[in-house]
Structures are given as structure tokens and as C-alpha cells.
Amino acid sequence: MNPILRANLNDVKKMHESALTPAVLTIAGYDPSSGAGVTADLEVFRDHGVPGVSAITALTVQARSGVRRVEPLNSALLLETLELLAKEVEIAGVKIGMLATAELANAVTKFLLRARIPRQKVVLDPVLRSTSGAELLDSEGLHVLREELLPLAGWVTPNVDEAAALSGEETSGRPKVPELARRIALLGGSDLNVVVTGGHLEPPDDFLLEAGGRETWFPGTRVETTSVHGTHGTGCVFSSALLCRLVLGDGPVEAVLGAKEAVVRRLRGQPVAGGR
């Protein structure tokens, strides 16, 4: 190839690479009511003033009343989508939600290993079962999540029941929360921050175990919701808001406080970040 032409092509490539737009990515299921999943996540990103992109893992038949059916998508299609996004967008952070199957969980694992996104900007929301009782991740998928994905994430945000499932415990409850968080941290390694959300507790206090070992309880109060979605999707809102706060530069405690406030605002039918 002509040296001048080669130089010009390299310049064009550099310009293209430098022009990549930073954005946060949500990998989750599609909820047609927009109470949870990718559409809820994108709304949270928007309210924080953070550009967002998405990759869908599964289609669902659901609304505020619950999940009636889950239709997982093809794992090769998901991986192709993720890799194309990574070529054309600078991924500043990733929120991982519903994965549905082991094949989809494996596809996300492959993507994270190749994309080399900073671990502290990867938030894993382990969506295992809907409030209405529908299974949202198969048993093989749970194994992949525990063994393969947790060591790639910087944050994991289970509720109390999910924390028990991740740690292999049969019982949960407030007294056991710190122990459950420590067990999960051992699965993910020394760089994993664990937030056990307290929506199923009374009062609804959240617990943070930082990667450095510091433990913090965050007091909560029950909110009578005025949102059209009710309490549906609050876990999605928490984890996606947490990612936004981390990308915007918050430390661990500040990020969790910001995510808690986002959930409260959502329950009150307000923009989750004060209409930023």
C-alpha cells in the first residue's frame, strides 16, 4: 500500500477511535410495562444525565401485577450486540440485570473478559426470581453467575433472598445480612463491593460491605408509593442509579446513598435524579 495512503487511513482510524461517545450499558431483560429491565435502566441513566445503551437478554410478558412468561433470546445474538456496541461506543460502565439462562450468562462473561471494562464500573444485579414467583435465572445460570461473573464485577446488589441464594444459605433475615455479604465477597474476591438491599426487611435498611472490609448500615423508611409502577423494578432502579453515581465519581458510601435516594424518588413518582 502507498505509504501516504496508509498514513491517511491510520489518521482516519485514530479520529474514529477518539470520537467514540462514552455511555453506560445495561444488559437486562425487556419489560413491556417499563417498570423494570432495560427501559427502566435507560430512564435512570437519562435522569442522571448519563448517555445509555442497552442489550436485551430476554423478552417478558409482565406488568405491575407480575411476570407471566419469559422468552430468552439467542446468546450469540446478545454477544454480537455487545461486541458491536463496544466497537462504536466507549463503555464507561455496565449494569447487568436479568440473564435468564446459563448460555446468556456465559455470553456476558465472554464480553466482559474481552472488553476489559474497569471492574469497579461493573454492577451486577442478581435477578433470580420475580416478586410474583417467576424464575428469572435457571440453576445452571446461577452457577455461572457465582463462579464466573462475580469475579468480574466490582459491585453486586442482591436483596436479602438473593443474597441467601448466592451464598448457599437457606435462611435469611437482618441478623444474617453481614454474614451473607461476607460469603458473597469471598466468591468475588477482594475487589468486590456487596450491597444487600433491604426492601424485604422491616425497616428497609441496606447494608454495604466495601471491598476494603468496611461495613455500613443505611437506615431506610417504608415509602407509600405514588408511582404508576408501584414497587415493581426498584432493584433495577437501585443498581442502575448506583452505576451512574460511580461513573459520575462518587465513592462507595456516597454512591449507595444516591442509589437509595433514587429508589425513594421513583416510589414517589419523581425523576430519580431530581430531573438532572
Protein backbone atom coordinates (compact mmCIF):
# COMPACT_ATOMS: atom_id res chain seq x y z
CA MET A 1 0.00 0.00 0.00
CA ASN A 2 1.13 3.52 -0.77
CA PRO A 3 2.79 4.96 2.40
CA ILE A 4 0.81 8.19 2.11
CA LEU A 5 -2.48 6.30 1.78
CA ARG A 6 -1.55 4.09 4.73
CA ALA A 7 -0.84 7.17 6.84
CA ASN A 8 -4.16 8.74 5.88
CA LEU A 9 -6.06 5.58 6.78
CA ASN A 10 -4.34 5.46 10.16
CA ASP A 11 -5.31 9.08 10.79
CA VAL A 12 -8.95 8.30 9.96
CA LYS A 13 -8.87 5.29 12.32
CA LYS A 14 -7.44 7.41 15.14
CA MET A 15 -10.09 10.09 14.58
CA HIS A 16 -12.82 7.43 14.70
CA GLU A 17 -11.46 5.92 17.89
CA SER A 18 -11.11 9.28 19.61
CA ALA A 19 -14.65 10.22 18.63
CA LEU A 20 -16.27 7.32 20.49
CA THR A 21 -19.05 8.60 22.73
CA PRO A 22 -18.85 7.49 26.38
CA ALA A 23 -22.00 5.75 27.60
CA VAL A 24 -23.15 3.30 30.23
CA LEU A 25 -24.53 -0.05 29.18
CA THR A 26 -27.42 -2.04 30.60
CA ILE A 27 -27.64 -5.77 29.90
CA ALA A 28 -31.05 -6.94 31.06
CA GLY A 29 -34.49 -8.21 30.10
CA TYR A 30 -37.24 -6.25 28.37
CA ASP A 31 -40.28 -5.32 30.46
CA PRO A 32 -43.14 -4.03 28.25
CA SER A 33 -44.53 -2.01 31.17
CA SER A 34 -41.15 -0.23 31.56
CA GLY A 35 -41.23 -0.74 35.31
CA ALA A 36 -38.05 -2.82 35.24
CA GLY A 37 -35.37 -4.06 32.85
CA VAL A 38 -33.62 -2.12 30.12
CA THR A 39 -36.26 0.58 29.68
CA ALA A 40 -36.26 1.41 33.39
CA ASP A 41 -32.45 1.43 33.41
CA LEU A 42 -32.29 3.80 30.43
CA GLU A 43 -34.72 6.13 32.21
CA VAL A 44 -32.44 6.18 35.25
CA PHE A 45 -29.40 6.88 33.06
CA ARG A 46 -31.24 9.76 31.39
CA ASP A 47 -32.29 11.31 34.68
CA HIS A 48 -28.65 11.28 35.80
CA GLY A 49 -27.56 12.95 32.59
CA VAL A 50 -25.55 9.88 31.55
CA PRO A 51 -25.90 8.55 27.95
CA GLY A 52 -27.07 4.96 27.89
CA VAL A 53 -27.13 1.98 25.53
CA SER A 54 -28.70 -1.43 26.04
CA ALA A 55 -28.62 -5.11 25.13
CA ILE A 56 -31.68 -7.27 25.77
CA THR A 57 -31.29 -10.76 27.23
CA ALA A 58 -34.93 -11.87 27.21
CA LEU A 59 -38.42 -10.75 26.32
CA THR A 60 -41.06 -10.98 29.01
CA VAL A 61 -44.81 -10.86 29.36
CA GLN A 62 -45.18 -8.77 32.51
CA ALA A 63 -46.70 -5.69 34.07
CA ARG A 64 -47.10 -4.34 37.58
CA SER A 65 -49.10 -7.46 38.50
CA GLY A 66 -46.13 -9.76 37.83
CA VAL A 67 -44.24 -11.84 35.28
CA ARG A 68 -46.31 -14.28 33.23
CA ARG A 69 -43.73 -15.53 30.73
CA VAL A 70 -40.03 -15.25 29.90
CA GLU A 71 -38.59 -15.83 26.42
CA PRO A 72 -34.75 -15.86 26.46
CA LEU A 73 -33.01 -14.55 23.37
CA ASN A 74 -30.20 -16.25 21.47
CA SER A 75 -26.87 -15.95 23.30
CA ALA A 76 -24.92 -15.48 20.05
CA LEU A 77 -27.19 -12.55 19.18
CA LEU A 78 -26.56 -11.00 22.59
CA LEU A 79 -22.78 -11.35 22.27
CA GLU A 80 -22.82 -9.90 18.75
CA THR A 81 -24.84 -6.93 20.01
CA LEU A 82 -22.47 -6.32 22.91
CA GLU A 83 -19.35 -6.52 20.76
CA LEU A 84 -20.76 -4.12 18.17
CA LEU A 85 -21.71 -1.62 20.86
CA ALA A 86 -18.20 -1.83 22.33
CA LYS A 87 -16.69 -1.05 18.92
CA GLU A 88 -18.76 2.07 18.43
CA VAL A 89 -19.29 3.33 21.97
CA GLU A 90 -16.83 3.91 24.80
CA ILE A 91 -18.40 1.80 27.56
CA ALA A 92 -17.92 3.79 30.78
CA GLY A 93 -19.73 1.23 32.93
CA VAL A 94 -22.05 -1.78 32.82
CA LYS A 95 -25.16 -2.74 34.75
CA ILE A 96 -26.07 -6.43 34.45
CA GLY A 97 -29.60 -7.45 35.31
CA MET A 98 -31.77 -10.41 34.34
CA LEU A 99 -29.79 -13.11 32.49
CA ALA A 100 -32.40 -15.91 32.28
CA THR A 101 -30.08 -18.76 31.21
CA ALA A 102 -26.56 -20.10 31.62
CA GLU A 103 -25.92 -19.53 27.90
CA LEU A 104 -26.74 -15.83 28.21
CA ALA A 105 -24.67 -15.55 31.39
CA ASN A 106 -21.73 -17.14 29.57
CA ALA A 107 -22.11 -14.65 26.71
CA VAL A 108 -21.90 -11.74 29.15
CA THR A 109 -18.84 -13.31 30.79
CA LYS A 110 -17.11 -13.56 27.40
CA PHE A 111 -17.95 -9.95 26.64
CA LEU A 112 -16.56 -8.65 29.93
CA LEU A 113 -13.34 -10.62 29.52
CA ARG A 114 -12.80 -9.19 26.04
CA ALA A 115 -13.98 -5.63 26.69
CA ARG A 116 -11.73 -5.07 29.73
CA ILE A 117 -14.12 -2.58 31.33
CA PRO A 118 -12.80 -1.44 34.73
CA ARG A 119 -14.17 -3.82 37.32
CA GLN A 120 -15.29 -1.05 39.67
CA LYS A 121 -17.64 0.18 36.94
CA VAL A 122 -19.43 -3.18 36.59
CA VAL A 123 -22.59 -3.53 38.71
CA LEU A 124 -24.26 -6.94 38.87
CA ASP A 125 -27.89 -7.10 39.98
CA PRO A 126 -28.50 -10.85 40.51
CA VAL A 127 -32.10 -11.12 39.33
CA LEU A 128 -33.09 -14.66 40.30
CA ARG A 129 -36.85 -14.61 40.81
CA SER A 130 -39.63 -12.07 40.33
CA THR A 131 -41.76 -10.84 43.23
CA SER A 132 -44.63 -12.81 41.70
CA GLY A 133 -42.55 -16.01 41.87
CA ALA A 134 -41.40 -16.46 38.26
CA GLU A 135 -37.91 -17.93 37.80
CA LEU A 136 -35.67 -15.40 36.03
CA LEU A 137 -32.39 -17.36 36.07
CA ASP A 138 -32.01 -21.13 35.73
CA SER A 139 -29.90 -23.19 38.14
CA GLU A 140 -27.01 -23.53 35.67
CA GLY A 141 -27.13 -19.76 35.19
CA LEU A 142 -26.84 -19.22 38.93
CA HIS A 143 -23.68 -21.34 38.90
CA VAL A 144 -22.18 -19.21 36.10
CA LEU A 145 -23.14 -16.06 37.95
CA ARG A 146 -21.45 -17.21 41.16
CA GLU A 147 -18.34 -18.75 39.60
CA GLU A 148 -17.71 -16.61 36.51
CA LEU A 149 -19.47 -13.25 36.74
CA LEU A 150 -18.96 -12.31 40.39
CA PRO A 151 -15.15 -12.28 39.97
CA LEU A 152 -15.56 -9.83 37.06
CA ALA A 153 -17.92 -7.42 38.85
CA GLY A 154 -16.95 -4.60 41.17
CA TRP A 155 -20.41 -4.41 42.74
CA VAL A 156 -23.24 -6.85 43.40
CA THR A 157 -26.65 -5.72 44.69
CA PRO A 158 -28.77 -8.68 45.88
CA ASN A 159 -31.85 -8.34 48.03
CA VAL A 160 -31.90 -10.47 51.17
CA ASP A 161 -33.34 -13.57 49.48
CA GLU A 162 -30.92 -13.29 46.56
CA ALA A 163 -28.02 -12.88 48.99
CA ALA A 164 -29.03 -16.13 50.68
CA ALA A 165 -29.21 -17.94 47.32
CA LEU A 166 -25.83 -16.60 46.20
CA SER A 167 -24.13 -17.60 49.43
CA GLY A 168 -25.74 -21.03 49.55
CA GLU A 169 -27.78 -20.33 52.67
CA GLU A 170 -31.38 -21.49 53.09
CA THR A 171 -32.42 -18.78 55.53
CA SER A 172 -32.01 -15.02 55.60
CA GLY A 173 -33.12 -12.06 57.72
CA ARG A 174 -31.48 -8.94 59.11
CA PRO A 175 -29.17 -10.63 61.69
CA LYS A 176 -27.64 -12.77 58.93
CA VAL A 177 -27.13 -9.98 56.37
CA PRO A 178 -23.48 -9.15 57.25
CA GLU A 179 -22.55 -12.83 57.16
CA LEU A 180 -24.28 -13.32 53.81
CA ALA A 181 -22.42 -10.30 52.38
CA ARG A 182 -19.08 -11.67 53.59
CA ARG A 183 -19.78 -15.07 52.00
CA ILE A 184 -20.60 -13.39 48.68
CA ALA A 185 -17.47 -11.27 48.88
CA LEU A 186 -15.37 -14.43 49.19
CA LEU A 187 -16.87 -15.68 45.92
CA GLY A 188 -16.00 -12.48 44.08
CA GLY A 189 -12.56 -11.78 45.51
CA SER A 190 -11.02 -8.83 47.30
CA ASP A 191 -12.23 -6.17 44.83
CA LEU A 192 -15.95 -6.90 45.16
CA ASN A 193 -18.30 -4.49 46.96
CA VAL A 194 -21.54 -6.09 48.21
CA VAL A 195 -24.77 -4.15 48.81
CA VAL A 196 -27.61 -6.16 50.32
CA THR A 197 -30.74 -4.11 49.68
CA GLY A 198 -33.34 -4.08 52.43
CA GLY A 199 -36.64 -3.84 50.65
CA HIS A 200 -37.67 -7.17 52.18
CA LEU A 201 -36.62 -6.11 55.69
CA GLU A 202 -38.51 -4.10 58.30
CA PRO A 203 -37.32 -1.41 58.49
CA PRO A 204 -35.92 -1.48 54.91
CA ASP A 205 -32.27 -0.85 55.80
CA ASP A 206 -29.50 -1.51 53.28
CA PHE A 207 -26.08 -2.98 54.10
CA LEU A 208 -22.77 -2.24 52.36
CA LEU A 209 -19.65 -4.37 52.65
CA GLU A 210 -16.90 -2.47 50.86
CA ALA A 211 -14.04 -4.21 49.09
CA GLY A 212 -11.71 -2.93 51.80
CA GLY A 213 -13.80 -4.57 54.52
CA ARG A 214 -15.68 -1.57 55.94
CA GLU A 215 -19.32 -2.34 56.82
CA THR A 216 -22.10 0.26 56.82
CA TRP A 217 -25.83 0.06 57.51
CA PHE A 218 -28.02 2.63 55.73
CA PRO A 219 -31.29 3.29 57.59
CA GLY A 220 -34.44 3.27 55.47
CA THR A 221 -38.11 4.03 55.91
CA ARG A 222 -41.07 2.46 54.14
CA VAL A 223 -42.43 4.76 51.40
CA GLU A 224 -46.07 4.72 50.33
CA THR A 225 -45.62 4.72 46.58
CA THR A 226 -47.43 7.00 44.16
CA SER A 227 -45.56 5.64 41.14
CA VAL A 228 -47.52 4.08 38.29
CA HIS A 229 -45.17 1.09 38.65
CA GLY A 230 -45.67 0.62 42.38
CA THR A 231 -42.68 -1.16 43.92
CA HIS A 232 -42.05 -3.06 40.68
CA GLY A 233 -38.47 -2.59 39.43
CA THR A 234 -36.95 -0.92 42.49
CA GLY A 235 -33.97 -3.31 42.36
CA CYS A 236 -33.29 -2.28 38.76
CA VAL A 237 -33.51 1.39 39.71
CA PHE A 238 -31.12 0.93 42.63
CA SER A 239 -28.44 -0.88 40.63
CA SER A 240 -28.60 1.39 37.58
CA ALA A 241 -28.55 4.51 39.78
CA LEU A 242 -25.59 3.07 41.68
CA LEU A 243 -23.71 2.66 38.40
CA CYS A 244 -24.48 6.26 37.42
CA ARG A 245 -23.21 7.57 40.74
CA LEU A 246 -19.99 5.55 40.39
CA VAL A 247 -19.41 6.76 36.83
CA LEU A 248 -20.03 10.33 37.97
CA GLY A 249 -17.30 9.96 40.57
CA ASP A 250 -18.98 9.09 43.87
CA GLY A 251 -17.21 6.95 46.45
CA PRO A 252 -18.86 3.76 47.78
CA VAL A 253 -20.92 5.31 50.59
CA GLU A 254 -22.00 8.31 48.51
CA ALA A 255 -22.95 6.05 45.59
CA VAL A 256 -25.16 3.85 47.78
CA LEU A 257 -26.82 6.90 49.36
CA GLY A 258 -27.50 8.29 45.88
CA ALA A 259 -28.97 4.97 44.74
CA LYS A 260 -31.22 4.80 47.81
CA GLU A 261 -32.46 8.32 47.11
CA ALA A 262 -33.17 7.34 43.50
CA VAL A 263 -35.41 4.49 44.68
CA VAL A 264 -37.28 6.81 47.06
CA ARG A 265 -37.85 9.33 44.29
CA ARG A 266 -39.05 6.58 41.94
CA LEU A 267 -41.54 5.36 44.55
CA ARG A 268 -42.82 8.93 44.87
CA GLY A 269 -43.29 9.20 41.11
CA GLN A 270 -40.43 11.69 40.69
CA PRO A 271 -37.40 11.74 38.35
CA VAL A 272 -34.85 9.55 40.10
CA ALA A 273 -32.06 12.13 39.99
CA GLY A 274 -34.00 15.31 40.60
CA GLY A 275 -34.60 15.96 36.93
CA ARG A 276 -30.94 16.43 36.01
